[in-house]
Amino acid sequence: MGTSQVGERSRVLVVDDSAVIRKAISRVLDSDYDLLEAIDGEAGWEALKTNQDLGVVISDVQMPKLDGYGMICRIRADNDPKVRDVPVIVITSADDDITRERAYACGANDFILKPIDSDQLLSCIRTHTGEQAGSSHVANDSQMDETVIEEIDVQTALDIIAGIKTGALQPYATDLALKVIPLLEYCNREFEMDIDQEIAMIKTKLEIV
């Protein structure tokens, strides 16, 4: 399963509870693949069962409701070969042997560390979909080059965290945190998130009032 005919775009399911990571993967893949997204393992499982023409599943490990391990185990235990044999690429920030070994033991085909390297991800997907390297994807220079932040830019900071760009946030860490506080206060007020104490602690840490 996974190979597509010439001219067809493989479908890729991205399962991750982080919207930032899903967006980062989408930016890398959407020029070559049809993407589906799921916010946790349960949603990913449902998406897979209702879309059995998927070429690859990309999944985080730590997620609510059903984690990546549980989802992979369900996939490999399914009676339908279209589900059971789908390639699964695990993405995680946990760089330890136990996580890696457990993922492979559950049935993962590949293992990629966050922040995600665009070339590595594309290479893994092409391997498991049977595609040739050098498809229509052309890496954006901004994805590969070292990013120099010359002003306070929250989106650039998010891109660096997600792995789309590389660069150092340290010179602007305090300024970035200050810029995010009004958003936290707005969300807390409008959506009754009850994080007054957490926001106060951040302000204290940053020595503001």
C-alpha atoms as a PDB file:
ATOM      1  CA  MET A   1       0.000   0.000   0.000  1.00  0.00           C
ATOM      2  CA  GLY A   2       1.117   3.562  -0.533  1.00  0.00           C
ATOM      3  CA  THR A   3       2.317   3.568  -4.107  1.00  0.00           C
ATOM      4  CA  SER A   4       0.459   5.982  -6.338  1.00  0.00           C
ATOM      5  CA  GLN A   5       0.069   5.986 -10.074  1.00  0.00           C
ATOM      6  CA  VAL A   6       1.910   8.533 -12.163  1.00  0.00           C
ATOM      7  CA  GLY A   7       0.238  11.913 -11.910  1.00  0.00           C
ATOM      8  CA  GLU A   8      -1.608  11.098  -8.703  1.00  0.00           C
ATOM      9  CA  ARG A   9      -0.819  12.733  -5.385  1.00  0.00           C
ATOM     10  CA  SER A  10      -0.370  10.461  -2.399  1.00  0.00           C
ATOM     11  CA  ARG A  11      -2.537  11.220   0.617  1.00  0.00           C
ATOM     12  CA  VAL A  12      -0.829  11.786   3.947  1.00  0.00           C
ATOM     13  CA  LEU A  13      -2.486  11.790   7.362  1.00  0.00           C
ATOM     14  CA  VAL A  14      -0.798  14.008   9.977  1.00  0.00           C
ATOM     15  CA  VAL A  15      -1.718  13.173  13.579  1.00  0.00           C
ATOM     16  CA  ASP A  16      -0.464  15.620  16.208  1.00  0.00           C
ATOM     17  CA  ASP A  17      -2.138  17.566  19.004  1.00  0.00           C
ATOM     18  CA  SER A  18       0.031  20.616  18.227  1.00  0.00           C
ATOM     19  CA  ALA A  19      -1.459  22.942  15.621  1.00  0.00           C
ATOM     20  CA  VAL A  20       1.997  24.482  15.169  1.00  0.00           C
ATOM     21  CA  ILE A  21       3.525  21.120  14.214  1.00  0.00           C
ATOM     22  CA  ARG A  22       0.651  20.279  11.876  1.00  0.00           C
ATOM     23  CA  LYS A  23       1.064  23.629  10.165  1.00  0.00           C
ATOM     24  CA  ALA A  24       4.821  23.135   9.877  1.00  0.00           C
ATOM     25  CA  ILE A  25       4.378  19.734   8.233  1.00  0.00           C
ATOM     26  CA  SER A  26       1.707  21.140   5.947  1.00  0.00           C
ATOM     27  CA  ARG A  27       4.071  23.841   4.710  1.00  0.00           C
ATOM     28  CA  VAL A  28       6.638  21.220   3.799  1.00  0.00           C
ATOM     29  CA  LEU A  29       4.268  18.750   2.133  1.00  0.00           C
ATOM     30  CA  ASP A  30       1.257  20.548   0.683  1.00  0.00           C
ATOM     31  CA  SER A  31       2.893  21.199  -2.694  1.00  0.00           C
ATOM     32  CA  ASP A  32       3.225  17.446  -3.348  1.00  0.00           C
ATOM     33  CA  TYR A  33       0.661  15.659  -1.179  1.00  0.00           C
ATOM     34  CA  ASP A  34      -3.003  15.760  -0.258  1.00  0.00           C
ATOM     35  CA  LEU A  35      -3.054  16.198   3.506  1.00  0.00           C
ATOM     36  CA  LEU A  36      -5.499  15.171   6.203  1.00  0.00           C
ATOM     37  CA  GLU A  37      -5.067  16.269   9.816  1.00  0.00           C
ATOM     38  CA  ALA A  38      -6.111  14.803  13.155  1.00  0.00           C
ATOM     39  CA  ILE A  39      -5.617  16.264  16.638  1.00  0.00           C
ATOM     40  CA  ASP A  40      -5.121  13.009  18.566  1.00  0.00           C
ATOM     41  CA  GLY A  41      -4.851   9.256  18.148  1.00  0.00           C
ATOM     42  CA  GLU A  42      -8.599   8.628  18.282  1.00  0.00           C
ATOM     43  CA  ALA A  43      -9.260  11.206  15.582  1.00  0.00           C
ATOM     44  CA  GLY A  44      -6.353   9.792  13.578  1.00  0.00           C
ATOM     45  CA  TRP A  45      -7.765   6.278  13.838  1.00  0.00           C
ATOM     46  CA  GLU A  46     -11.182   7.445  12.641  1.00  0.00           C
ATOM     47  CA  ALA A  47      -9.594   9.349   9.741  1.00  0.00           C
ATOM     48  CA  LEU A  48      -7.641   6.261   8.725  1.00  0.00           C
ATOM     49  CA  LYS A  49     -10.689   3.979   8.862  1.00  0.00           C
ATOM     50  CA  THR A  50     -12.689   6.341   6.661  1.00  0.00           C
ATOM     51  CA  ASN A  51      -9.823   7.147   4.250  1.00  0.00           C
ATOM     52  CA  GLN A  52      -8.227   3.815   3.385  1.00  0.00           C
ATOM     53  CA  ASP A  53      -6.354   5.161   0.377  1.00  0.00           C
ATOM     54  CA  LEU A  54      -3.735   6.871   2.560  1.00  0.00           C
ATOM     55  CA  GLY A  55      -0.116   6.571   1.461  1.00  0.00           C
ATOM     56  CA  VAL A  56       1.505   7.411   4.806  1.00  0.00           C
ATOM     57  CA  VAL A  57       0.528   8.256   8.380  1.00  0.00           C
ATOM     58  CA  ILE A  58       2.725  10.738  10.276  1.00  0.00           C
ATOM     59  CA  SER A  59       2.070  10.597  14.007  1.00  0.00           C
ATOM     60  CA  ASP A  60       3.261  12.145  17.236  1.00  0.00           C
ATOM     61  CA  VAL A  61       3.710   9.851  20.237  1.00  0.00           C
ATOM     62  CA  GLN A  62       2.388  11.833  23.217  1.00  0.00           C
ATOM     63  CA  MET A  63      -1.227  12.829  22.534  1.00  0.00           C
ATOM     64  CA  PRO A  64      -4.493  12.965  24.507  1.00  0.00           C
ATOM     65  CA  LYS A  65      -7.288  10.348  24.274  1.00  0.00           C
ATOM     66  CA  LEU A  66      -5.135   7.822  22.378  1.00  0.00           C
ATOM     67  CA  ASP A  67      -1.381   8.183  22.065  1.00  0.00           C
ATOM     68  CA  GLY A  68       0.707   7.317  19.030  1.00  0.00           C
ATOM     69  CA  TYR A  69       1.680   3.905  20.382  1.00  0.00           C
ATOM     70  CA  GLY A  70      -1.953   2.909  20.868  1.00  0.00           C
ATOM     71  CA  MET A  71      -2.955   4.123  17.431  1.00  0.00           C
ATOM     72  CA  ILE A  72      -0.124   2.204  15.731  1.00  0.00           C
ATOM     73  CA  CYS A  73      -1.064  -0.963  17.634  1.00  0.00           C
ATOM     74  CA  ARG A  74      -4.663  -0.617  16.424  1.00  0.00           C
ATOM     75  CA  ILE A  75      -3.450  -0.131  12.874  1.00  0.00           C
ATOM     76  CA  ARG A  76      -1.218  -3.215  12.916  1.00  0.00           C
ATOM     77  CA  ALA A  77      -3.958  -5.353  14.504  1.00  0.00           C
ATOM     78  CA  ASP A  78      -6.643  -4.426  11.967  1.00  0.00           C
ATOM     79  CA  ASN A  79      -8.022  -7.178   9.722  1.00  0.00           C
ATOM     80  CA  ASP A  80      -8.128  -4.962   6.634  1.00  0.00           C
ATOM     81  CA  PRO A  81      -4.729  -4.940   4.895  1.00  0.00           C
ATOM     82  CA  LYS A  82      -5.424  -1.439   3.557  1.00  0.00           C
ATOM     83  CA  VAL A  83      -5.361  -0.258   7.160  1.00  0.00           C
ATOM     84  CA  ARG A  84      -2.937  -2.760   8.655  1.00  0.00           C
ATOM     85  CA  ASP A  85      -0.163  -2.191   6.107  1.00  0.00           C
ATOM     86  CA  VAL A  86      -0.164   1.616   5.910  1.00  0.00           C
ATOM     87  CA  PRO A  87       3.344   3.015   6.577  1.00  0.00           C
ATOM     88  CA  VAL A  88       3.623   4.992   9.820  1.00  0.00           C
ATOM     89  CA  ILE A  89       6.294   7.623  10.466  1.00  0.00           C
ATOM     90  CA  VAL A  90       6.634   8.597  14.119  1.00  0.00           C
ATOM     91  CA  ILE A  91       7.646  12.167  14.970  1.00  0.00           C
ATOM     92  CA  THR A  92       8.627  13.058  18.513  1.00  0.00           C
ATOM     93  CA  SER A  93      10.862  15.318  20.576  1.00  0.00           C
ATOM     94  CA  ALA A  94      11.780  12.391  22.859  1.00  0.00           C
ATOM     95  CA  ASP A  95      15.325  11.458  21.882  1.00  0.00           C
ATOM     96  CA  ASP A  96      15.760   8.284  23.894  1.00  0.00           C
ATOM     97  CA  ASP A  97      16.159   4.596  23.092  1.00  0.00           C
ATOM     98  CA  ILE A  98      13.034   3.534  24.988  1.00  0.00           C
ATOM     99  CA  THR A  99      10.734   5.768  22.937  1.00  0.00           C
ATOM    100  CA  ARG A 100      12.367   4.687  19.684  1.00  0.00           C
ATOM    101  CA  GLU A 101      12.283   0.975  20.553  1.00  0.00           C
ATOM    102  CA  ARG A 102       8.676   1.141  21.726  1.00  0.00           C
ATOM    103  CA  ALA A 103       7.608   2.892  18.521  1.00  0.00           C
ATOM    104  CA  TYR A 104       9.254   0.251  16.356  1.00  0.00           C
ATOM    105  CA  ALA A 105       7.878  -2.539  18.558  1.00  0.00           C
ATOM    106  CA  CYS A 106       4.347  -1.211  17.974  1.00  0.00           C
ATOM    107  CA  GLY A 107       4.943  -1.267  14.231  1.00  0.00           C
ATOM    108  CA  ALA A 108       6.306   2.138  13.220  1.00  0.00           C
ATOM    109  CA  ASN A 109       8.231   2.190   9.940  1.00  0.00           C
ATOM    110  CA  ASP A 110      10.356   5.272  10.600  1.00  0.00           C
ATOM    111  CA  PHE A 111      11.263   7.626  13.424  1.00  0.00           C
ATOM    112  CA  ILE A 112      11.967  11.360  13.087  1.00  0.00           C
ATOM    113  CA  LEU A 113      12.952  13.761  15.846  1.00  0.00           C
ATOM    114  CA  LYS A 114      11.467  17.233  16.322  1.00  0.00           C
ATOM    115  CA  PRO A 115      12.261  19.876  15.216  1.00  0.00           C
ATOM    116  CA  ILE A 116      11.492  18.226  11.905  1.00  0.00           C
ATOM    117  CA  ASP A 117      14.064  18.282   9.125  1.00  0.00           C
ATOM    118  CA  SER A 118      12.222  18.935   5.851  1.00  0.00           C
ATOM    119  CA  ASP A 119      14.526  16.839   3.689  1.00  0.00           C
ATOM    120  CA  GLN A 120      14.426  13.886   6.082  1.00  0.00           C
ATOM    121  CA  LEU A 121      10.634  13.953   6.238  1.00  0.00           C
ATOM    122  CA  LEU A 122      10.279  14.117   2.459  1.00  0.00           C
ATOM    123  CA  SER A 123      12.796  11.320   1.995  1.00  0.00           C
ATOM    124  CA  CYS A 124      10.899   9.078   4.435  1.00  0.00           C
ATOM    125  CA  ILE A 125       7.573   9.713   2.727  1.00  0.00           C
ATOM    126  CA  ARG A 126       9.007   9.079  -0.747  1.00  0.00           C
ATOM    127  CA  THR A 127      10.552   5.839   0.460  1.00  0.00           C
ATOM    128  CA  HIS A 128       7.260   4.531   1.826  1.00  0.00           C
ATOM    129  CA  THR A 129       5.101   5.712  -1.071  1.00  0.00           C
ATOM    130  CA  GLY A 130       7.529   4.339  -3.647  1.00  0.00           C
ATOM    131  CA  GLU A 131       8.137   7.741  -5.208  1.00  0.00           C
ATOM    132  CA  GLN A 132      11.333   8.905  -6.814  1.00  0.00           C
ATOM    133  CA  ALA A 133      13.323  11.699  -5.224  1.00  0.00           C
ATOM    134  CA  GLY A 134      13.163  15.003  -7.038  1.00  0.00           C
ATOM    135  CA  SER A 135       9.410  15.341  -7.378  1.00  0.00           C
ATOM    136  CA  SER A 136       7.735  18.718  -7.815  1.00  0.00           C
ATOM    137  CA  HIS A 137       8.737  19.816  -4.321  1.00  0.00           C
ATOM    138  CA  VAL A 138      11.272  22.601  -4.316  1.00  0.00           C
ATOM    139  CA  ALA A 139      12.573  23.522  -0.896  1.00  0.00           C
ATOM    140  CA  ASN A 140      12.038  27.129   0.018  1.00  0.00           C
ATOM    141  CA  ASP A 141      15.297  28.847   0.898  1.00  0.00           C
ATOM    142  CA  SER A 142      13.682  30.173   4.056  1.00  0.00           C
ATOM    143  CA  GLN A 143      13.136  26.593   5.187  1.00  0.00           C
ATOM    144  CA  MET A 144      16.764  25.634   4.892  1.00  0.00           C
ATOM    145  CA  ASP A 145      18.836  28.702   5.616  1.00  0.00           C
ATOM    146  CA  GLU A 146      19.821  29.937   9.053  1.00  0.00           C
ATOM    147  CA  THR A 147      17.293  32.551  10.084  1.00  0.00           C
ATOM    148  CA  VAL A 148      18.501  35.821  11.529  1.00  0.00           C
ATOM    149  CA  ILE A 149      15.824  37.584  13.566  1.00  0.00           C
ATOM    150  CA  GLU A 150      16.315  41.290  13.217  1.00  0.00           C
ATOM    151  CA  GLU A 151      13.084  42.293  14.932  1.00  0.00           C
ATOM    152  CA  ILE A 152      10.487  40.790  17.243  1.00  0.00           C
ATOM    153  CA  ASP A 153       8.495  38.403  15.060  1.00  0.00           C
ATOM    154  CA  VAL A 154       6.229  35.868  16.755  1.00  0.00           C
ATOM    155  CA  GLN A 155       5.527  33.949  13.530  1.00  0.00           C
ATOM    156  CA  THR A 156       9.234  33.527  12.807  1.00  0.00           C
ATOM    157  CA  ALA A 157       9.729  32.320  16.363  1.00  0.00           C
ATOM    158  CA  LEU A 158       6.948  29.743  15.913  1.00  0.00           C
ATOM    159  CA  ASP A 159       8.517  28.596  12.643  1.00  0.00           C
ATOM    160  CA  ILE A 160      11.850  28.075  14.386  1.00  0.00           C
ATOM    161  CA  ILE A 161      10.187  26.095  17.173  1.00  0.00           C
ATOM    162  CA  ALA A 162       8.306  23.967  14.639  1.00  0.00           C
ATOM    163  CA  GLY A 163      11.468  23.260  12.683  1.00  0.00           C
ATOM    164  CA  ILE A 164      10.585  25.061   9.439  1.00  0.00           C
ATOM    165  CA  LYS A 165      13.411  27.505  10.061  1.00  0.00           C
ATOM    166  CA  THR A 166      16.583  27.423  12.085  1.00  0.00           C
ATOM    167  CA  GLY A 167      17.845  30.237  14.214  1.00  0.00           C
ATOM    168  CA  ALA A 168      18.419  31.532  17.723  1.00  0.00           C
ATOM    169  CA  LEU A 169      15.604  33.007  19.809  1.00  0.00           C
ATOM    170  CA  GLN A 170      17.641  33.759  22.910  1.00  0.00           C
ATOM    171  CA  PRO A 171      18.398  37.449  22.156  1.00  0.00           C
ATOM    172  CA  TYR A 172      14.671  38.136  21.835  1.00  0.00           C
ATOM    173  CA  ALA A 173      13.185  35.603  24.264  1.00  0.00           C
ATOM    174  CA  THR A 174      12.019  38.192  26.821  1.00  0.00           C
ATOM    175  CA  ASP A 175      10.598  40.511  24.164  1.00  0.00           C
ATOM    176  CA  LEU A 176       8.752  37.616  22.523  1.00  0.00           C
ATOM    177  CA  ALA A 177       7.285  36.573  25.880  1.00  0.00           C
ATOM    178  CA  LEU A 178       6.125  40.138  26.515  1.00  0.00           C
ATOM    179  CA  LYS A 179       4.487  40.258  23.118  1.00  0.00           C
ATOM    180  CA  VAL A 180       2.490  37.100  23.824  1.00  0.00           C
ATOM    181  CA  ILE A 181       1.156  38.213  27.240  1.00  0.00           C
ATOM    182  CA  PRO A 182      -1.687  40.377  25.804  1.00  0.00           C
ATOM    183  CA  LEU A 183      -2.871  37.350  23.827  1.00  0.00           C
ATOM    184  CA  LEU A 184      -2.819  35.198  26.957  1.00  0.00           C
ATOM    185  CA  GLU A 185      -4.782  37.833  28.853  1.00  0.00           C
ATOM    186  CA  TYR A 186      -7.328  38.116  26.053  1.00  0.00           C
ATOM    187  CA  CYS A 187      -7.845  34.331  25.852  1.00  0.00           C
ATOM    188  CA  ASN A 188      -8.074  34.105  29.627  1.00  0.00           C
ATOM    189  CA  ARG A 189     -10.699  36.856  29.744  1.00  0.00           C
ATOM    190  CA  GLU A 190     -12.801  35.870  26.729  1.00  0.00           C
ATOM    191  CA  PHE A 191     -12.738  32.083  27.136  1.00  0.00           C
ATOM    192  CA  GLU A 192     -12.610  31.865  30.949  1.00  0.00           C
ATOM    193  CA  MET A 193      -9.444  29.777  30.944  1.00  0.00           C
ATOM    194  CA  ASP A 194      -8.748  30.507  34.619  1.00  0.00           C
ATOM    195  CA  ILE A 195      -5.030  31.098  34.149  1.00  0.00           C
ATOM    196  CA  ASP A 196      -4.772  34.363  36.103  1.00  0.00           C
ATOM    197  CA  GLN A 197      -2.174  32.916  38.447  1.00  0.00           C
ATOM    198  CA  GLU A 198      -0.029  31.579  35.614  1.00  0.00           C
ATOM    199  CA  ILE A 199      -0.094  34.925  33.819  1.00  0.00           C
ATOM    200  CA  ALA A 200       0.806  36.739  37.048  1.00  0.00           C
ATOM    201  CA  MET A 201       3.746  34.401  37.546  1.00  0.00           C
ATOM    202  CA  ILE A 202       4.986  35.074  34.012  1.00  0.00           C
ATOM    203  CA  LYS A 203       4.740  38.813  34.567  1.00  0.00           C
ATOM    204  CA  THR A 204       6.610  38.506  37.837  1.00  0.00           C
ATOM    205  CA  LYS A 205       9.294  36.426  36.173  1.00  0.00           C
ATOM    206  CA  LEU A 206       9.678  39.104  33.511  1.00  0.00           C
ATOM    207  CA  GLU A 207       9.655  41.816  36.181  1.00  0.00           C
ATOM    208  CA  ILE A 208       6.665  43.681  34.815  1.00  0.00           C
ATOM    209  CA  VAL A 209       3.407  44.794  36.439  1.00  0.00           C
END
